[in-house]
Amino acid sequence: MSVRINATSMTLEIDDRVAATARFSQHAAADGNGAWIVSTHPARLLSRNQAITALTLAERLAAGYGDDDPFVIGWREELFL
């Protein structure tokens, strides 16, 4: 499992397959600063740090951790999920 991050995209790979992605869109937010769109939560506009958290959460869930895992709980709270 790995999360690859660059200036305009992020990719979560599990077993050499893309499991989730994030992309930066300059036009996604009305404030003109842009936002990140993550494939696991496509209706949400996220900051860069939130996008990283969302991909980390997806990785943790794919590893078999459940809703009672303290990290899962904390990351979901951080993302208001």
PDB file of N, CA and C in Angstrom:
ATOM      1  N   MET A   1       0.847  -1.169   0.000  1.00  0.00           N
ATOM      2  CA  MET A   1       0.000   0.000   0.000  1.00  0.00           C
ATOM      3  C   MET A   1       0.893   1.232   0.000  1.00  0.00           C
ATOM      4  N   SER A   2       0.498   2.187  -0.798  1.00  0.00           N
ATOM      5  CA  SER A   2       1.246   3.433  -0.814  1.00  0.00           C
ATOM      6  C   SER A   2       0.362   4.575  -1.296  1.00  0.00           C
ATOM      7  N   VAL A   3       0.641   5.748  -0.763  1.00  0.00           N
ATOM      8  CA  VAL A   3      -0.010   6.969  -1.209  1.00  0.00           C
ATOM      9  C   VAL A   3       1.051   7.798  -1.908  1.00  0.00           C
ATOM     10  N   ARG A   4       0.799   8.123  -3.150  1.00  0.00           N
ATOM     11  CA  ARG A   4       1.711   8.964  -3.929  1.00  0.00           C
ATOM     12  C   ARG A   4       1.094  10.353  -4.034  1.00  0.00           C
ATOM     13  N   ILE A   5       1.902  11.359  -3.728  1.00  0.00           N
ATOM     14  CA  ILE A   5       1.405  12.730  -3.695  1.00  0.00           C
ATOM     15  C   ILE A   5       2.284  13.610  -4.567  1.00  0.00           C
ATOM     16  N   ASN A   6       1.654  14.393  -5.454  1.00  0.00           N
ATOM     17  CA  ASN A   6       2.384  15.432  -6.164  1.00  0.00           C
ATOM     18  C   ASN A   6       1.557  16.718  -6.127  1.00  0.00           C
ATOM     19  N   ALA A   7       1.927  17.695  -6.881  1.00  0.00           N
ATOM     20  CA  ALA A   7       1.302  19.018  -6.777  1.00  0.00           C
ATOM     21  C   ALA A   7      -0.178  19.040  -7.136  1.00  0.00           C
ATOM     22  N   THR A   8      -0.621  18.208  -8.062  1.00  0.00           N
ATOM     23  CA  THR A   8      -2.010  18.280  -8.518  1.00  0.00           C
ATOM     24  C   THR A   8      -2.770  16.964  -8.454  1.00  0.00           C
ATOM     25  N   SER A   9      -2.148  15.913  -7.957  1.00  0.00           N
ATOM     26  CA  SER A   9      -2.855  14.638  -7.847  1.00  0.00           C
ATOM     27  C   SER A   9      -2.266  13.775  -6.736  1.00  0.00           C
ATOM     28  N   MET A  10      -3.094  12.853  -6.261  1.00  0.00           N
ATOM     29  CA  MET A  10      -2.694  11.879  -5.254  1.00  0.00           C
ATOM     30  C   MET A  10      -3.309  10.544  -5.640  1.00  0.00           C
ATOM     31  N   THR A  11      -2.589   9.480  -5.341  1.00  0.00           N
ATOM     32  CA  THR A  11      -3.065   8.147  -5.681  1.00  0.00           C
ATOM     33  C   THR A  11      -2.794   7.191  -4.532  1.00  0.00           C
ATOM     34  N   LEU A  12      -3.801   6.421  -4.155  1.00  0.00           N
ATOM     35  CA  LEU A  12      -3.637   5.335  -3.196  1.00  0.00           C
ATOM     36  C   LEU A  12      -3.589   4.045  -3.993  1.00  0.00           C
ATOM     37  N   GLU A  13      -2.489   3.320  -3.874  1.00  0.00           N
ATOM     38  CA  GLU A  13      -2.339   2.029  -4.553  1.00  0.00           C
ATOM     39  C   GLU A  13      -2.310   0.912  -3.526  1.00  0.00           C
ATOM     40  N   ILE A  14      -3.095  -0.119  -3.781  1.00  0.00           N
ATOM     41  CA  ILE A  14      -3.125  -1.306  -2.942  1.00  0.00           C
ATOM     42  C   ILE A  14      -2.926  -2.500  -3.855  1.00  0.00           C
ATOM     43  N   ASP A  15      -1.912  -3.303  -3.563  1.00  0.00           N
ATOM     44  CA  ASP A  15      -1.590  -4.476  -4.384  1.00  0.00           C
ATOM     45  C   ASP A  15      -1.436  -4.090  -5.855  1.00  0.00           C
ATOM     46  N   ASP A  16      -0.699  -3.018  -6.100  1.00  0.00           N
ATOM     47  CA  ASP A  16      -0.420  -2.526  -7.452  1.00  0.00           C
ATOM     48  C   ASP A  16      -1.663  -2.119  -8.237  1.00  0.00           C
ATOM     49  N   ARG A  17      -2.755  -1.833  -7.518  1.00  0.00           N
ATOM     50  CA  ARG A  17      -3.981  -1.333  -8.160  1.00  0.00           C
ATOM     51  C   ARG A  17      -4.340   0.005  -7.547  1.00  0.00           C
ATOM     52  N   VAL A  18      -4.858   0.893  -8.346  1.00  0.00           N
ATOM     53  CA  VAL A  18      -5.313   2.185  -7.836  1.00  0.00           C
ATOM     54  C   VAL A  18      -6.629   1.976  -7.102  1.00  0.00           C
ATOM     55  N   ALA A  19      -6.636   2.304  -5.813  1.00  0.00           N
ATOM     56  CA  ALA A  19      -7.834   2.126  -4.985  1.00  0.00           C
ATOM     57  C   ALA A  19      -8.602   3.430  -4.802  1.00  0.00           C
ATOM     58  N   ALA A  20      -7.891   4.551  -4.815  1.00  0.00           N
ATOM     59  CA  ALA A  20      -8.538   5.861  -4.656  1.00  0.00           C
ATOM     60  C   ALA A  20      -7.610   6.928  -5.219  1.00  0.00           C
ATOM     61  N   THR A  21      -8.215   8.023  -5.650  1.00  0.00           N
ATOM     62  CA  THR A  21      -7.437   9.122  -6.210  1.00  0.00           C
ATOM     63  C   THR A  21      -7.949  10.457  -5.663  1.00  0.00           C
ATOM     64  N   ALA A  22      -7.112  11.454  -5.804  1.00  0.00           N
ATOM     65  CA  ALA A  22      -7.499  12.833  -5.501  1.00  0.00           C
ATOM     66  C   ALA A  22      -6.877  13.712  -6.567  1.00  0.00           C
ATOM     67  N   ARG A  23      -7.616  14.735  -6.947  1.00  0.00           N
ATOM     68  CA  ARG A  23      -7.064  15.674  -7.932  1.00  0.00           C
ATOM     69  C   ARG A  23      -7.381  17.086  -7.493  1.00  0.00           C
ATOM     70  N   PHE A  24      -6.458  17.983  -7.782  1.00  0.00           N
ATOM     71  CA  PHE A  24      -6.662  19.385  -7.454  1.00  0.00           C
ATOM     72  C   PHE A  24      -7.330  20.071  -8.628  1.00  0.00           C
ATOM     73  N   SER A  25      -8.337  20.876  -8.334  1.00  0.00           N
ATOM     74  CA  SER A  25      -9.007  21.662  -9.360  1.00  0.00           C
ATOM     75  C   SER A  25      -9.002  23.124  -8.926  1.00  0.00           C
ATOM     76  N   GLN A  26      -8.364  23.945  -9.708  1.00  0.00           N
ATOM     77  CA  GLN A  26      -8.295  25.381  -9.424  1.00  0.00           C
ATOM     78  C   GLN A  26      -9.684  26.012  -9.429  1.00  0.00           C
ATOM     79  N   HIS A  27     -10.608  25.432 -10.171  1.00  0.00           N
ATOM     80  CA  HIS A  27     -11.948  26.008 -10.334  1.00  0.00           C
ATOM     81  C   HIS A  27     -13.002  25.360  -9.440  1.00  0.00           C
ATOM     82  N   ALA A  28     -12.600  24.468  -8.558  1.00  0.00           N
ATOM     83  CA  ALA A  28     -13.568  23.730  -7.748  1.00  0.00           C
ATOM     84  C   ALA A  28     -14.185  24.557  -6.627  1.00  0.00           C
ATOM     85  N   ALA A  29     -13.490  25.550  -6.129  1.00  0.00           N
ATOM     86  CA  ALA A  29     -14.002  26.340  -5.007  1.00  0.00           C
ATOM     87  C   ALA A  29     -14.294  27.767  -5.441  1.00  0.00           C
ATOM     88  N   ALA A  30     -15.336  28.323  -4.877  1.00  0.00           N
ATOM     89  CA  ALA A  30     -15.765  29.674  -5.260  1.00  0.00           C
ATOM     90  C   ALA A  30     -14.798  30.759  -4.808  1.00  0.00           C
ATOM     91  N   ASP A  31     -13.923  30.445  -3.855  1.00  0.00           N
ATOM     92  CA  ASP A  31     -13.007  31.460  -3.342  1.00  0.00           C
ATOM     93  C   ASP A  31     -11.807  31.708  -4.252  1.00  0.00           C
ATOM     94  N   GLY A  32     -11.711  30.953  -5.345  1.00  0.00           N
ATOM     95  CA  GLY A  32     -10.617  31.136  -6.286  1.00  0.00           C
ATOM     96  C   GLY A  32      -9.330  30.435  -5.896  1.00  0.00           C
ATOM     97  N   ASN A  33      -9.320  29.744  -4.752  1.00  0.00           N
ATOM     98  CA  ASN A  33      -8.118  29.044  -4.305  1.00  0.00           C
ATOM     99  C   ASN A  33      -8.101  27.576  -4.714  1.00  0.00           C
ATOM    100  N   GLY A  34      -9.178  27.097  -5.286  1.00  0.00           N
ATOM    101  CA  GLY A  34      -9.255  25.703  -5.708  1.00  0.00           C
ATOM    102  C   GLY A  34      -9.500  24.765  -4.544  1.00  0.00           C
ATOM    103  N   ALA A  35      -9.642  23.485  -4.871  1.00  0.00           N
ATOM    104  CA  ALA A  35      -9.902  22.467  -3.856  1.00  0.00           C
ATOM    105  C   ALA A  35      -9.511  21.109  -4.407  1.00  0.00           C
ATOM    106  N   TRP A  36      -9.412  20.164  -3.510  1.00  0.00           N
ATOM    107  CA  TRP A  36      -9.115  18.784  -3.874  1.00  0.00           C
ATOM    108  C   TRP A  36     -10.408  17.984  -3.929  1.00  0.00           C
ATOM    109  N   ILE A  37     -10.521  17.113  -4.925  1.00  0.00           N
ATOM    110  CA  ILE A  37     -11.663  16.222  -5.083  1.00  0.00           C
ATOM    111  C   ILE A  37     -11.141  14.791  -4.969  1.00  0.00           C
ATOM    112  N   VAL A  38     -11.667  14.050  -3.999  1.00  0.00           N
ATOM    113  CA  VAL A  38     -11.203  12.692  -3.706  1.00  0.00           C
ATOM    114  C   VAL A  38     -12.249  11.699  -4.191  1.00  0.00           C
ATOM    115  N   SER A  39     -11.811  10.642  -4.836  1.00  0.00           N
ATOM    116  CA  SER A  39     -12.741   9.672  -5.431  1.00  0.00           C
ATOM    117  C   SER A  39     -13.631   8.985  -4.397  1.00  0.00           C
ATOM    118  N   THR A  40     -13.179   8.871  -3.154  1.00  0.00           N
ATOM    119  CA  THR A  40     -13.997   8.219  -2.129  1.00  0.00           C
ATOM    120  C   THR A  40     -15.071   9.142  -1.561  1.00  0.00           C
ATOM    121  N   HIS A  41     -14.961  10.447  -1.816  1.00  0.00           N
ATOM    122  CA  HIS A  41     -15.939  11.440  -1.357  1.00  0.00           C
ATOM    123  C   HIS A  41     -16.082  12.522  -2.433  1.00  0.00           C
ATOM    124  N   PRO A  42     -16.567  12.161  -3.618  1.00  0.00           N
ATOM    125  CA  PRO A  42     -16.546  13.086  -4.754  1.00  0.00           C
ATOM    126  C   PRO A  42     -17.419  14.325  -4.597  1.00  0.00           C
ATOM    127  N   ALA A  43     -18.385  14.311  -3.713  1.00  0.00           N
ATOM    128  CA  ALA A  43     -19.261  15.472  -3.545  1.00  0.00           C
ATOM    129  C   ALA A  43     -18.683  16.505  -2.581  1.00  0.00           C
ATOM    130  N   ARG A  44     -17.531  16.205  -1.988  1.00  0.00           N
ATOM    131  CA  ARG A  44     -16.912  17.099  -1.007  1.00  0.00           C
ATOM    132  C   ARG A  44     -15.710  17.798  -1.609  1.00  0.00           C
ATOM    133  N   LEU A  45     -15.541  19.067  -1.301  1.00  0.00           N
ATOM    134  CA  LEU A  45     -14.346  19.805  -1.677  1.00  0.00           C
ATOM    135  C   LEU A  45     -13.444  19.847  -0.450  1.00  0.00           C
ATOM    136  N   LEU A  46     -12.211  19.396  -0.621  1.00  0.00           N
ATOM    137  CA  LEU A  46     -11.308  19.248   0.511  1.00  0.00           C
ATOM    138  C   LEU A  46     -10.045  20.083   0.344  1.00  0.00           C
ATOM    139  N   SER A  47      -9.419  20.373   1.466  1.00  0.00           N
ATOM    140  CA  SER A  47      -8.095  20.992   1.441  1.00  0.00           C
ATOM    141  C   SER A  47      -7.072  19.900   1.124  1.00  0.00           C
ATOM    142  N   ARG A  48      -5.845  20.308   0.897  1.00  0.00           N
ATOM    143  CA  ARG A  48      -4.787  19.328   0.606  1.00  0.00           C
ATOM    144  C   ARG A  48      -4.632  18.355   1.774  1.00  0.00           C
ATOM    145  N   ASN A  49      -4.590  18.871   2.992  1.00  0.00           N
ATOM    146  CA  ASN A  49      -4.432  18.013   4.159  1.00  0.00           C
ATOM    147  C   ASN A  49      -5.624  17.077   4.340  1.00  0.00           C
ATOM    148  N   GLN A  50      -6.820  17.571   4.082  1.00  0.00           N
ATOM    149  CA  GLN A  50      -8.004  16.727   4.180  1.00  0.00           C
ATOM    150  C   GLN A  50      -7.979  15.619   3.119  1.00  0.00           C
ATOM    151  N   ALA A  51      -7.490  15.922   1.921  1.00  0.00           N
ATOM    152  CA  ALA A  51      -7.385  14.908   0.868  1.00  0.00           C
ATOM    153  C   ALA A  51      -6.419  13.808   1.287  1.00  0.00           C
ATOM    154  N   ILE A  52      -5.311  14.190   1.885  1.00  0.00           N
ATOM    155  CA  ILE A  52      -4.351  13.199   2.379  1.00  0.00           C
ATOM    156  C   ILE A  52      -5.003  12.342   3.461  1.00  0.00           C
ATOM    157  N   THR A  53      -5.743  12.972   4.361  1.00  0.00           N
ATOM    158  CA  THR A  53      -6.440  12.238   5.418  1.00  0.00           C
ATOM    159  C   THR A  53      -7.468  11.276   4.823  1.00  0.00           C
ATOM    160  N   ALA A  54      -8.210  11.713   3.818  1.00  0.00           N
ATOM    161  CA  ALA A  54      -9.221  10.852   3.188  1.00  0.00           C
ATOM    162  C   ALA A  54      -8.582   9.627   2.546  1.00  0.00           C
ATOM    163  N   LEU A  55      -7.441   9.804   1.903  1.00  0.00           N
ATOM    164  CA  LEU A  55      -6.761   8.656   1.293  1.00  0.00           C
ATOM    165  C   LEU A  55      -6.172   7.740   2.368  1.00  0.00           C
ATOM    166  N   THR A  56      -5.667   8.316   3.436  1.00  0.00           N
ATOM    167  CA  THR A  56      -5.141   7.516   4.541  1.00  0.00           C
ATOM    168  C   THR A  56      -6.264   6.720   5.199  1.00  0.00           C
ATOM    169  N   LEU A  57      -7.427   7.335   5.345  1.00  0.00           N
ATOM    170  CA  LEU A  57      -8.599   6.644   5.879  1.00  0.00           C
ATOM    171  C   LEU A  57      -8.993   5.481   4.968  1.00  0.00           C
ATOM    172  N   ALA A  58      -9.025   5.703   3.676  1.00  0.00           N
ATOM    173  CA  ALA A  58      -9.357   4.633   2.722  1.00  0.00           C
ATOM    174  C   ALA A  58      -8.354   3.491   2.827  1.00  0.00           C
ATOM    175  N   GLU A  59      -7.092   3.820   2.998  1.00  0.00           N
ATOM    176  CA  GLU A  59      -6.052   2.791   3.142  1.00  0.00           C
ATOM    177  C   GLU A  59      -6.271   1.981   4.418  1.00  0.00           C
ATOM    178  N   ARG A  60      -6.584   2.656   5.499  1.00  0.00           N
ATOM    179  CA  ARG A  60      -6.813   1.978   6.788  1.00  0.00           C
ATOM    180  C   ARG A  60      -8.012   1.031   6.691  1.00  0.00           C
ATOM    181  N   LEU A  61      -9.090   1.495   6.072  1.00  0.00           N
ATOM    182  CA  LEU A  61     -10.279   0.653   5.909  1.00  0.00           C
ATOM    183  C   LEU A  61      -9.988  -0.544   5.005  1.00  0.00           C
ATOM    184  N   ALA A  62      -9.211  -0.333   3.952  1.00  0.00           N
ATOM    185  CA  ALA A  62      -8.859  -1.432   3.043  1.00  0.00           C
ATOM    186  C   ALA A  62      -7.980  -2.473   3.733  1.00  0.00           C
ATOM    187  N   ALA A  63      -7.265  -2.035   4.762  1.00  0.00           N
ATOM    188  CA  ALA A  63      -6.405  -2.958   5.502  1.00  0.00           C
ATOM    189  C   ALA A  63      -7.200  -3.812   6.489  1.00  0.00           C
ATOM    190  N   GLY A  64      -8.513  -3.562   6.570  1.00  0.00           N
ATOM    191  CA  GLY A  64      -9.360  -4.401   7.401  1.00  0.00           C
ATOM    192  C   GLY A  64      -9.763  -3.796   8.730  1.00  0.00           C
ATOM    193  N   TYR A  65      -9.350  -2.576   9.003  1.00  0.00           N
ATOM    194  CA  TYR A  65      -9.760  -1.932  10.251  1.00  0.00           C
ATOM    195  C   TYR A  65     -11.213  -1.485  10.117  1.00  0.00           C
ATOM    196  N   GLY A  66     -11.934  -1.531  11.225  1.00  0.00           N
ATOM    197  CA  GLY A  66     -13.367  -1.235  11.175  1.00  0.00           C
ATOM    198  C   GLY A  66     -13.727   0.103  11.777  1.00  0.00           C
ATOM    199  N   ASP A  67     -15.040   0.294  11.913  1.00  0.00           N
ATOM    200  CA  ASP A  67     -15.577   1.555  12.418  1.00  0.00           C
ATOM    201  C   ASP A  67     -15.192   1.837  13.871  1.00  0.00           C
ATOM    202  N   ASP A  68     -14.766   0.816  14.611  1.00  0.00           N
ATOM    203  CA  ASP A  68     -14.398   1.009  16.009  1.00  0.00           C
ATOM    204  C   ASP A  68     -12.917   1.321  16.202  1.00  0.00           C
ATOM    205  N   ASP A  69     -12.153   1.354  15.128  1.00  0.00           N
ATOM    206  CA  ASP A  69     -10.724   1.663  15.195  1.00  0.00           C
ATOM    207  C   ASP A  69     -10.538   3.135  15.569  1.00  0.00           C
ATOM    208  N   PRO A  70      -9.698   3.444  16.561  1.00  0.00           N
ATOM    209  CA  PRO A  70      -9.517   4.838  16.982  1.00  0.00           C
ATOM    210  C   PRO A  70      -9.041   5.774  15.865  1.00  0.00           C
ATOM    211  N   PHE A  71      -8.205   5.284  14.970  1.00  0.00           N
ATOM    212  CA  PHE A  71      -7.744   6.119  13.864  1.00  0.00           C
ATOM    213  C   PHE A  71      -8.885   6.404  12.882  1.00  0.00           C
ATOM    214  N   VAL A  72      -9.652   5.375  12.571  1.00  0.00           N
ATOM    215  CA  VAL A  72     -10.808   5.548  11.680  1.00  0.00           C
ATOM    216  C   VAL A  72     -11.776   6.564  12.278  1.00  0.00           C
ATOM    217  N   ILE A  73     -12.060   6.428  13.550  1.00  0.00           N
ATOM    218  CA  ILE A  73     -12.969   7.359  14.231  1.00  0.00           C
ATOM    219  C   ILE A  73     -12.425   8.782  14.164  1.00  0.00           C
ATOM    220  N   GLY A  74     -11.154   8.954  14.495  1.00  0.00           N
ATOM    221  CA  GLY A  74     -10.548  10.278  14.505  1.00  0.00           C
ATOM    222  C   GLY A  74     -10.503  10.929  13.124  1.00  0.00           C
ATOM    223  N   TRP A  75     -10.122  10.149  12.117  1.00  0.00           N
ATOM    224  CA  TRP A  75     -10.034  10.706  10.755  1.00  0.00           C
ATOM    225  C   TRP A  75     -11.417  11.048  10.220  1.00  0.00           C
ATOM    226  N   ARG A  76     -12.414  10.248  10.525  1.00  0.00           N
ATOM    227  CA  ARG A  76     -13.776  10.576  10.103  1.00  0.00           C
ATOM    228  C   ARG A  76     -14.266  11.858  10.777  1.00  0.00           C
ATOM    229  N   GLU A  77     -13.954  12.016  12.053  1.00  0.00           N
ATOM    230  CA  GLU A  77     -14.323  13.252  12.747  1.00  0.00           C
ATOM    231  C   GLU A  77     -13.619  14.450  12.111  1.00  0.00           C
ATOM    232  N   GLU A  78     -12.340  14.285  11.797  1.00  0.00           N
ATOM    233  CA  GLU A  78     -11.573  15.359  11.177  1.00  0.00           C
ATOM    234  C   GLU A  78     -12.182  15.778   9.840  1.00  0.00           C
ATOM    235  N   LEU A  79     -12.735  14.799   9.119  1.00  0.00           N
ATOM    236  CA  LEU A  79     -13.340  15.067   7.804  1.00  0.00           C
ATOM    237  C   LEU A  79     -14.837  15.345   7.894  1.00  0.00           C
ATOM    238  N   PHE A  80     -15.380  15.375   9.086  1.00  0.00           N
ATOM    239  CA  PHE A  80     -16.813  15.603   9.309  1.00  0.00           C
ATOM    240  C   PHE A  80     -17.672  14.567   8.583  1.00  0.00           C
ATOM    241  N   LEU A  81     -17.274  13.303   8.668  1.00  0.00           N
ATOM    242  CA  LEU A  81     -18.014  12.210   8.030  1.00  0.00           C
ATOM    243  C   LEU A  81     -18.836  11.453   9.063  1.00  0.00           C
TER     244      LEU A  81
END
